[in-house]
Amino acid sequence: MDHVTHLKCLVCGREHAPNAIEYICPDHGDEGIVDVRYDYDLIKSRISRESLAMDRNQSIWRYKDLLPVLSDADVPPLAIGWTPLYGAPRLARKLGLQNLWVKDDGRLPTASFKDRASAIALVKAQEKNAEIITTASTGNAAAALSGICASVGQENVIFVPESAPPAKIAQLLVYNSTVMLIKGSYDDAFELCLEAAAEYGWYNRNTGYNPYMTEGKKTAAYEICEQLSWQAPDMIFVSVGDGCIIGGLHKGLKDLLALGWIDRMPRLMGVQAEGSSFLYEAWKNGEDVLSKTPVSGITVADSISAGLPRDRIKALAAVTETAGAYVQISDNEILAAIPELARGCAVFAEPAGAAAYGGLVKAVASGLVNPDERIVVLNTGNGLKDIKSTMTSVKMAGSVAAHIEPSLAAVKEIVGNLP
């Protein structure tokens, strides 16, 4: 791991040797999130766009030389990464756009983007011979860690709010995790997870605390640019809760710029639900994210429910440093985006994933998008994660199933009323 030069605190700027701290800068309690910094000249000597073109490994590990892991590290056997980037011409025409793609991370092994970070967590935990890995989550990060641990038989303890969608809790149980259903919010689960990890010495995967989670999530930016033949898009839309995904995309794009693999920085567009819009408010009002009061965090999109985003420093920088924007949308707009996205390009997204498309719709209506811009929407989770919300969304769209007798006459009655 000689390509990692240091860890830099994003609060005070203090630099730490890679092995001097485990997670955070000790000068700021649990808020001292750090950023992993690299020797790009050394990386250039080991990997290039040309060498990647010859690499048959279609997973995040094709970028191993850009990740904070040992070159000979064992990696989990699941096929993580290299998810499809679909052209979406019908959606583009509907919005008056010329170029639109949807990247579907609902296709990952546990059906969410969080597999990228959890894979790194497992490798880092095994570097330290950790007996147990833990995380707090609204559901997807937990399921990702649970599934990836199951692939190698790694013990893990999961903290999630008891309000998490049943499908996500089912994933945790089927993978045989030790599951703590918290009678409280995600923020309550997060704090309890921190306490338990410190008490028992468990390896902590928590977003916005463990800096290596950003490094796993940045691989999506690598894939987007490589799948577009290294022609970076103009804008990337992504839903935002804790802020680690948008921060990870920003980190990946900064890596690619430093290596000279892309020639410009895309604008990052963060989409937040009205009830969980801490970062939208901070961006809009110029507020200090370290002192700003938490918001309610209440939204139908559980995966982006965060009263106090844990990776808020990176998440705000991702938008401000790329001349992007935050977009706020209602729960009804989120639900409406589920069938719109599915019918427009066959990507079935859970509420948080569909929120990214809903944000694009609102951004177009607000004049934030030019018709000729090249735009990517990132779906972060599969719709089967939350069937209750999906059924609400299709009901809102006027879609109902026909309950009929087993006769051709009954079929004809329905067919005769088709538009």
Protein backbone atom coordinates (compact mmCIF):
# COMPACT_ATOMS: atom_id res chain seq x y z
CA MET A 1 0.00 0.00 0.00
CA ASP A 2 2.95 2.30 -0.69
CA HIS A 3 0.82 4.42 -3.04
CA VAL A 4 -1.10 5.82 -0.02
CA THR A 5 0.94 8.78 1.23
CA HIS A 6 -1.10 10.05 4.17
CA LEU A 7 -4.53 10.67 5.67
CA LYS A 8 -5.60 14.33 5.77
CA CYS A 9 -8.10 15.67 8.29
CA LEU A 10 -10.82 17.64 6.51
CA VAL A 11 -11.54 19.71 9.63
CA CYS A 12 -8.09 21.02 10.57
CA GLY A 13 -5.86 19.89 7.69
CA ARG A 14 -3.58 17.81 9.91
CA GLU A 15 -1.80 14.99 8.06
CA HIS A 16 -1.42 11.53 9.53
CA ALA A 17 0.72 8.61 8.42
CA PRO A 18 -1.48 5.84 6.98
CA ASN A 19 -1.03 3.59 10.00
CA ALA A 20 -0.98 6.33 12.64
CA ILE A 21 -4.76 6.41 13.04
CA GLU A 22 -7.44 3.83 12.36
CA TYR A 23 -10.40 5.99 11.38
CA ILE A 24 -10.55 9.68 12.33
CA CYS A 25 -8.37 12.61 13.32
CA PRO A 26 -8.22 12.41 17.16
CA ASP A 27 -8.49 16.19 17.58
CA HIS A 28 -12.21 16.38 16.74
CA GLY A 29 -14.00 13.57 18.51
CA ASP A 30 -16.10 11.54 16.10
CA GLU A 31 -16.23 14.39 13.55
CA GLY A 32 -12.59 14.27 12.43
CA ILE A 33 -13.19 12.59 9.07
CA VAL A 34 -10.02 12.18 7.02
CA ASP A 35 -9.30 11.79 3.33
CA VAL A 36 -6.97 9.16 1.87
CA ARG A 37 -4.23 10.76 -0.24
CA TYR A 38 -2.16 9.05 -2.95
CA ASP A 39 1.14 9.22 -4.83
CA TYR A 40 -0.25 9.63 -8.34
CA ASP A 41 3.16 9.47 -10.02
CA LEU A 42 3.67 6.02 -8.52
CA ILE A 43 0.18 4.96 -9.55
CA LYS A 44 0.84 6.11 -13.13
CA SER A 45 3.79 3.74 -13.29
CA ARG A 46 1.51 0.79 -12.46
CA ILE A 47 -1.76 1.37 -14.26
CA SER A 48 -3.01 3.25 -17.28
CA ARG A 49 -6.10 3.56 -19.43
CA GLU A 50 -4.36 1.28 -21.92
CA SER A 51 -3.63 -1.43 -19.35
CA LEU A 52 -7.22 -1.27 -18.15
CA ALA A 53 -8.42 -1.84 -21.70
CA MET A 54 -6.59 -5.18 -21.63
CA ASP A 55 -7.89 -6.18 -18.18
CA ARG A 56 -10.55 -8.90 -18.30
CA ASN A 57 -11.46 -8.44 -14.62
CA GLN A 58 -14.78 -6.63 -14.73
CA SER A 59 -15.10 -5.68 -11.07
CA ILE A 60 -13.89 -2.89 -8.80
CA TRP A 61 -10.65 -4.82 -8.38
CA ARG A 62 -9.57 -3.86 -11.91
CA TYR A 63 -8.77 -0.56 -10.16
CA LYS A 64 -6.82 -2.19 -7.32
CA ASP A 65 -3.80 0.05 -7.91
CA LEU A 66 -6.05 3.03 -7.16
CA LEU A 67 -7.49 1.57 -3.96
CA PRO A 68 -6.09 1.63 -0.41
CA VAL A 69 -5.44 -2.11 -0.22
CA LEU A 70 -2.38 -4.31 -0.51
CA SER A 71 -1.58 -5.49 -4.03
CA ASP A 72 -1.77 -9.12 -2.91
CA ALA A 73 -4.82 -8.68 -0.68
CA ASP A 74 -7.46 -11.40 -0.87
CA VAL A 75 -10.74 -9.94 -2.09
CA PRO A 76 -14.29 -11.27 -1.67
CA PRO A 77 -15.46 -13.61 -4.42
CA LEU A 78 -18.66 -11.73 -5.29
CA ALA A 79 -18.84 -9.88 -8.61
CA ILE A 80 -18.82 -6.31 -7.30
CA GLY A 81 -18.73 -3.43 -9.74
CA TRP A 82 -18.82 -2.84 -13.50
CA THR A 83 -22.57 -2.36 -13.42
CA PRO A 84 -24.30 -1.44 -16.70
CA LEU A 85 -24.51 2.11 -17.99
CA TYR A 86 -27.64 2.25 -20.12
CA GLY A 87 -28.44 4.82 -22.73
CA ALA A 88 -31.89 6.30 -22.02
CA PRO A 89 -33.01 7.98 -25.26
CA ARG A 90 -36.76 7.87 -24.50
CA LEU A 91 -36.28 9.54 -21.13
CA ALA A 92 -33.94 12.04 -22.77
CA ARG A 93 -36.54 12.97 -25.39
CA LYS A 94 -39.21 13.34 -22.73
CA LEU A 95 -37.01 15.82 -20.88
CA GLY A 96 -35.77 17.61 -23.98
CA LEU A 97 -32.21 16.32 -23.55
CA GLN A 98 -29.81 14.94 -26.13
CA ASN A 99 -27.66 12.54 -24.08
CA LEU A 100 -28.77 10.68 -20.97
CA TRP A 101 -27.47 7.51 -19.34
CA VAL A 102 -28.58 5.59 -16.26
CA LYS A 103 -26.03 3.59 -14.27
CA ASP A 104 -27.76 0.74 -12.48
CA ASP A 105 -26.07 -0.22 -9.25
CA GLY A 106 -29.19 -2.12 -8.28
CA ARG A 107 -27.48 -4.92 -10.22
CA LEU A 108 -24.78 -5.46 -7.57
CA PRO A 109 -24.79 -8.70 -5.51
CA THR A 110 -26.90 -7.39 -2.60
CA ALA A 111 -28.79 -5.02 -4.95
CA SER A 112 -27.31 -1.71 -3.87
CA PHE A 113 -24.40 0.65 -4.43
CA LYS A 114 -23.18 -0.04 -0.88
CA ASP A 115 -21.49 -3.27 -1.97
CA ARG A 116 -18.62 -1.14 -3.28
CA ALA A 117 -17.74 0.26 0.13
CA SER A 118 -18.46 -2.93 2.04
CA ALA A 119 -16.00 -4.85 -0.13
CA ILE A 120 -13.26 -2.44 0.91
CA ALA A 121 -14.39 -2.70 4.55
CA LEU A 122 -13.99 -6.46 4.47
CA VAL A 123 -10.49 -6.29 2.99
CA LYS A 124 -9.37 -3.62 5.49
CA ALA A 125 -10.86 -5.55 8.40
CA GLN A 126 -9.07 -8.70 7.36
CA GLU A 127 -5.80 -6.76 7.10
CA LYS A 128 -6.24 -6.19 10.84
CA ASN A 129 -7.38 -9.75 11.53
CA ALA A 130 -10.65 -8.40 12.90
CA GLU A 131 -12.91 -11.05 14.38
CA ILE A 132 -16.06 -8.97 13.92
CA ILE A 133 -17.07 -6.15 11.57
CA THR A 134 -19.91 -3.82 12.46
CA THR A 135 -21.93 -1.06 10.83
CA ALA A 136 -24.98 1.13 11.33
CA SER A 137 -27.27 1.59 8.38
CA THR A 138 -30.77 2.41 7.19
CA GLY A 139 -30.59 -0.95 5.45
CA ASN A 140 -28.50 -1.06 2.29
CA ALA A 141 -25.03 -0.66 3.80
CA ALA A 142 -26.00 -3.27 6.36
CA ALA A 143 -27.21 -5.71 3.72
CA ALA A 144 -24.09 -5.10 1.67
CA LEU A 145 -21.77 -5.80 4.58
CA SER A 146 -23.87 -8.78 5.64
CA GLY A 147 -23.81 -10.38 2.20
CA ILE A 148 -20.13 -9.77 1.53
CA CYS A 149 -19.22 -11.14 4.95
CA ALA A 150 -21.34 -14.22 4.20
CA SER A 151 -19.27 -14.81 1.06
CA VAL A 152 -16.18 -15.48 3.19
CA GLY A 153 -17.68 -16.51 6.53
CA GLN A 154 -16.82 -13.28 8.36
CA GLU A 155 -18.73 -12.57 11.59
CA ASN A 156 -20.56 -9.23 11.70
CA VAL A 157 -22.94 -7.24 13.87
CA ILE A 158 -25.49 -4.92 12.29
CA PHE A 159 -27.36 -1.93 13.76
CA VAL A 160 -30.45 -0.72 11.85
CA PRO A 161 -33.62 1.14 12.81
CA GLU A 162 -36.49 -1.28 13.34
CA SER A 163 -38.40 0.81 10.76
CA ALA A 164 -36.10 -0.41 7.96
CA PRO A 165 -37.97 -2.05 5.04
CA PRO A 166 -38.65 -5.76 5.72
CA ALA A 167 -36.78 -6.83 2.56
CA LYS A 168 -33.58 -5.29 3.87
CA ILE A 169 -34.00 -6.87 7.30
CA ALA A 170 -34.66 -10.19 5.56
CA GLN A 171 -31.32 -9.89 3.77
CA LEU A 172 -29.52 -9.45 7.08
CA LEU A 173 -31.17 -12.50 8.59
CA VAL A 174 -30.74 -14.77 5.59
CA TYR A 175 -27.01 -13.95 5.54
CA ASN A 176 -26.92 -14.85 9.27
CA SER A 177 -25.73 -11.53 10.65
CA THR A 178 -26.21 -10.63 14.29
CA VAL A 179 -28.94 -8.01 13.88
CA MET A 180 -29.73 -5.21 16.34
CA LEU A 181 -33.06 -3.56 15.44
CA ILE A 182 -32.93 -0.16 17.12
CA LYS A 183 -36.06 1.44 18.55
CA GLY A 184 -35.04 4.80 17.16
CA SER A 185 -33.60 6.59 14.14
CA TYR A 186 -30.58 5.91 11.94
CA ASP A 187 -28.69 8.52 13.95
CA ASP A 188 -29.45 6.55 17.13
CA ALA A 189 -28.21 3.37 15.46
CA PHE A 190 -25.04 5.13 14.31
CA GLU A 191 -24.15 6.40 17.79
CA LEU A 192 -24.83 3.03 19.39
CA CYS A 193 -22.70 1.30 16.78
CA LEU A 194 -19.81 3.65 17.55
CA GLU A 195 -20.12 2.89 21.26
CA ALA A 196 -20.32 -0.87 20.76
CA ALA A 197 -17.38 -0.94 18.33
CA ALA A 198 -15.22 0.98 20.82
CA GLU A 199 -16.32 -1.25 23.68
CA TYR A 200 -15.62 -4.56 21.95
CA GLY A 201 -12.88 -3.64 19.50
CA TRP A 202 -14.94 -4.46 16.41
CA TYR A 203 -13.86 -3.15 13.01
CA ASN A 204 -16.15 -0.22 12.21
CA ARG A 205 -17.45 0.18 8.66
CA ASN A 206 -19.56 3.26 9.44
CA THR A 207 -19.94 5.81 6.68
CA GLY A 208 -18.51 9.24 7.52
CA TYR A 209 -16.27 7.65 10.15
CA ASN A 210 -14.23 5.05 8.30
CA PRO A 211 -12.43 6.99 5.52
CA TYR A 212 -11.95 3.92 3.35
CA MET A 213 -15.66 3.76 2.53
CA THR A 214 -15.22 6.78 0.25
CA GLU A 215 -12.52 4.84 -1.58
CA GLY A 216 -14.87 2.00 -2.38
CA LYS A 217 -17.62 4.29 -3.57
CA LYS A 218 -15.33 6.26 -5.87
CA THR A 219 -15.07 3.22 -8.15
CA ALA A 220 -18.45 4.14 -9.68
CA ALA A 221 -16.89 7.34 -11.04
CA TYR A 222 -14.09 5.31 -12.60
CA GLU A 223 -16.60 3.01 -14.27
CA ILE A 224 -18.79 5.81 -15.59
CA CYS A 225 -15.84 7.51 -17.26
CA GLU A 226 -14.34 4.30 -18.59
CA GLN A 227 -17.73 3.18 -19.95
CA LEU A 228 -17.99 6.53 -21.74
CA SER A 229 -14.56 5.97 -23.32
CA TRP A 230 -12.97 8.41 -20.87
CA GLN A 231 -15.17 11.27 -22.09
CA ALA A 232 -16.42 12.53 -18.73
CA PRO A 233 -20.11 13.49 -18.58
CA ASP A 234 -21.14 17.07 -17.92
CA MET A 235 -23.34 16.22 -14.94
CA ILE A 236 -23.94 13.28 -12.60
CA PHE A 237 -27.16 13.14 -10.58
CA VAL A 238 -27.12 11.13 -7.35
CA SER A 239 -29.35 10.96 -4.30
CA VAL A 240 -27.76 12.06 -1.02
CA GLY A 241 -28.35 10.99 2.57
CA ASP A 242 -25.21 10.58 4.65
CA GLY A 243 -23.17 12.08 1.81
CA CYS A 244 -20.61 9.33 1.31
CA ILE A 245 -21.70 8.37 -2.21
CA ILE A 246 -21.50 11.87 -3.69
CA GLY A 247 -18.24 12.40 -1.80
CA GLY A 248 -16.93 9.16 -3.26
CA LEU A 249 -17.87 10.16 -6.80
CA HIS A 250 -16.02 13.43 -6.30
CA LYS A 251 -12.94 11.61 -5.01
CA GLY A 252 -12.93 9.25 -7.98
CA LEU A 253 -13.21 12.10 -10.45
CA LYS A 254 -10.37 13.97 -8.71
CA ASP A 255 -8.23 10.83 -9.02
CA LEU A 256 -8.95 10.63 -12.75
CA LEU A 257 -8.11 14.29 -13.27
CA ALA A 258 -4.85 13.91 -11.35
CA LEU A 259 -3.91 10.94 -13.53
CA GLY A 260 -4.83 12.82 -16.71
CA TRP A 261 -7.42 10.20 -17.68
CA ILE A 262 -10.21 12.78 -18.03
CA ASP A 263 -9.82 16.42 -19.02
CA ARG A 264 -12.56 18.10 -17.01
CA MET A 265 -14.58 17.76 -13.83
CA PRO A 266 -18.27 16.90 -14.19
CA ARG A 267 -20.75 18.88 -12.13
CA LEU A 268 -22.12 16.79 -9.28
CA MET A 269 -25.83 17.22 -8.59
CA GLY A 270 -26.99 16.04 -5.18
CA VAL A 271 -30.66 15.20 -4.72
CA GLN A 272 -32.23 15.28 -1.26
CA ALA A 273 -35.71 14.54 0.05
CA GLU A 274 -37.56 17.47 1.60
CA GLY A 275 -37.66 15.81 5.02
CA SER A 276 -33.96 14.95 4.92
CA SER A 277 -32.45 18.02 3.29
CA PHE A 278 -29.62 18.99 5.63
CA LEU A 279 -27.10 19.39 2.82
CA TYR A 280 -29.52 21.17 0.46
CA GLU A 281 -30.20 23.73 3.19
CA ALA A 282 -26.51 24.12 4.05
CA TRP A 283 -25.59 24.61 0.38
CA LYS A 284 -28.45 27.00 -0.33
CA ASN A 285 -27.94 29.12 2.80
CA GLY A 286 -24.15 28.98 3.06
CA GLU A 287 -24.29 27.28 6.47
CA ASP A 288 -21.43 25.61 8.33
CA VAL A 289 -22.09 21.87 8.18
CA LEU A 290 -20.15 21.25 11.40
CA SER A 291 -22.40 23.52 13.47
CA LYS A 292 -25.71 23.26 11.62
CA THR A 293 -28.60 21.74 13.59
CA PRO A 294 -29.79 18.30 12.40
CA VAL A 295 -33.02 18.03 10.41
CA SER A 296 -35.83 15.51 10.92
CA GLY A 297 -34.53 13.00 8.38
CA ILE A 298 -38.07 11.78 7.71
CA THR A 299 -38.66 10.57 4.15
CA VAL A 300 -40.16 7.65 2.26
CA ALA A 301 -36.68 7.11 0.81
CA ASP A 302 -35.19 5.34 3.82
CA SER A 303 -31.76 4.96 2.20
CA ILE A 304 -31.28 8.74 2.17
CA SER A 305 -32.81 9.38 5.59
CA ALA A 306 -30.19 11.19 7.69
CA GLY A 307 -30.93 13.91 10.19
CA LEU A 308 -27.21 14.62 10.51
CA PRO A 309 -25.25 13.45 7.43
CA ARG A 310 -22.06 11.83 8.68
CA ASP A 311 -19.99 12.56 5.58
CA ARG A 312 -21.28 16.11 5.24
CA ILE A 313 -17.90 17.80 4.73
CA LYS A 314 -17.11 15.69 1.66
CA ALA A 315 -20.70 15.88 0.43
CA LEU A 316 -20.83 19.67 0.47
CA ALA A 317 -17.39 19.94 -1.16
CA ALA A 318 -18.49 17.57 -3.93
CA VAL A 319 -21.10 20.08 -5.06
CA THR A 320 -19.36 23.38 -4.33
CA GLU A 321 -16.00 22.37 -5.83
CA THR A 322 -17.58 21.09 -9.06
CA ALA A 323 -19.97 24.05 -9.56
CA GLY A 324 -22.83 21.62 -9.10
CA ALA A 325 -25.99 22.06 -7.06
CA TYR A 326 -28.28 20.43 -4.55
CA VAL A 327 -31.87 19.78 -5.57
CA GLN A 328 -34.68 19.19 -3.10
CA ILE A 329 -37.68 17.03 -4.02
CA SER A 330 -40.81 15.87 -2.22
CA ASP A 331 -41.66 12.29 -1.31
CA ASN A 332 -44.40 12.35 -3.94
CA GLU A 333 -41.86 13.40 -6.57
CA ILE A 334 -39.62 10.55 -5.44
CA LEU A 335 -42.43 8.02 -5.69
CA ALA A 336 -43.49 9.34 -9.10
CA ALA A 337 -39.92 8.82 -10.36
CA ILE A 338 -40.01 5.06 -9.65
CA PRO A 339 -42.40 4.06 -12.47
CA GLU A 340 -41.17 6.87 -14.74
CA LEU A 341 -37.62 5.51 -14.61
CA ALA A 342 -38.78 1.91 -14.94
CA ARG A 343 -41.00 2.64 -17.93
CA GLY A 344 -38.48 4.90 -19.59
CA CYS A 345 -35.44 2.60 -19.49
CA ALA A 346 -36.45 -0.53 -17.50
CA VAL A 347 -34.35 0.32 -14.43
CA PHE A 348 -36.39 -0.59 -11.34
CA ALA A 349 -35.16 1.60 -8.50
CA GLU A 350 -35.99 1.84 -4.83
CA PRO A 351 -37.09 5.32 -3.66
CA ALA A 352 -33.56 6.59 -2.98
CA GLY A 353 -32.33 5.43 -6.37
CA ALA A 354 -35.31 6.91 -8.19
CA ALA A 355 -34.77 10.19 -6.33
CA ALA A 356 -31.75 10.85 -8.56
CA TYR A 357 -33.99 10.77 -11.63
CA GLY A 358 -36.62 12.83 -9.86
CA GLY A 359 -33.93 15.38 -9.15
CA LEU A 360 -33.01 15.51 -12.83
CA VAL A 361 -36.65 16.13 -13.74
CA LYS A 362 -36.81 19.02 -11.29
CA ALA A 363 -33.44 20.40 -12.39
CA VAL A 364 -34.59 20.44 -16.02
CA ALA A 365 -37.78 22.25 -15.05
CA SER A 366 -35.73 24.76 -13.04
CA GLY A 367 -33.37 25.52 -15.93
CA LEU A 368 -30.32 23.98 -14.27
CA VAL A 369 -29.63 21.67 -17.22
CA ASN A 370 -28.77 22.55 -20.81
CA PRO A 371 -30.31 20.29 -23.48
CA ASP A 372 -26.95 19.40 -25.04
CA GLU A 373 -25.26 18.38 -21.79
CA ARG A 374 -24.20 14.76 -21.30
CA ILE A 375 -25.90 13.52 -18.16
CA VAL A 376 -25.62 10.39 -16.01
CA VAL A 377 -28.21 9.39 -13.40
CA LEU A 378 -27.00 6.93 -10.78
CA ASN A 379 -29.48 4.40 -9.43
CA THR A 380 -28.22 3.26 -6.04
CA GLY A 381 -30.62 0.44 -5.20
CA ASN A 382 -33.05 -2.12 -6.62
CA GLY A 383 -36.78 -1.55 -6.30
CA LEU A 384 -37.37 -4.96 -4.73
CA LYS A 385 -35.75 -3.53 -1.61
CA ASP A 386 -38.96 -1.65 -0.83
CA ILE A 387 -42.09 -3.16 -2.36
CA LYS A 388 -44.44 -1.13 -0.15
CA SER A 389 -43.18 2.13 -1.66
CA THR A 390 -43.24 0.67 -5.16
CA MET A 391 -46.87 -0.34 -4.83
CA THR A 392 -47.71 3.15 -3.61
CA SER A 393 -45.90 4.62 -6.60
CA VAL A 394 -47.72 2.55 -9.21
CA LYS A 395 -51.04 3.31 -7.55
CA MET A 396 -50.20 7.00 -7.83
CA ALA A 397 -49.45 6.41 -11.51
CA GLY A 398 -52.86 4.81 -12.02
CA SER A 399 -51.58 1.28 -12.63
CA VAL A 400 -53.69 -1.54 -11.23
CA ALA A 401 -53.84 -5.26 -11.90
CA ALA A 402 -57.03 -6.71 -13.38
CA HIS A 403 -58.57 -9.49 -11.29
CA ILE A 404 -60.55 -11.65 -13.74
CA GLU A 405 -62.31 -14.98 -14.07
CA PRO A 406 -60.34 -17.66 -15.98
CA SER A 407 -62.15 -17.09 -19.26
CA LEU A 408 -61.37 -15.60 -22.66
CA ALA A 409 -64.46 -13.43 -22.35
CA ALA A 410 -62.97 -11.76 -19.30
CA VAL A 411 -59.72 -11.17 -21.23
CA LYS A 412 -61.65 -9.65 -24.13
CA GLU A 413 -63.42 -7.25 -21.80
CA ILE A 414 -60.10 -5.94 -20.54
CA VAL A 415 -58.49 -5.84 -24.00
CA GLY A 416 -61.47 -3.98 -25.38
CA ASN A 417 -60.89 -1.18 -22.92
CA LEU A 418 -57.20 -0.77 -23.72
CA PRO A 419 -56.22 2.68 -25.04
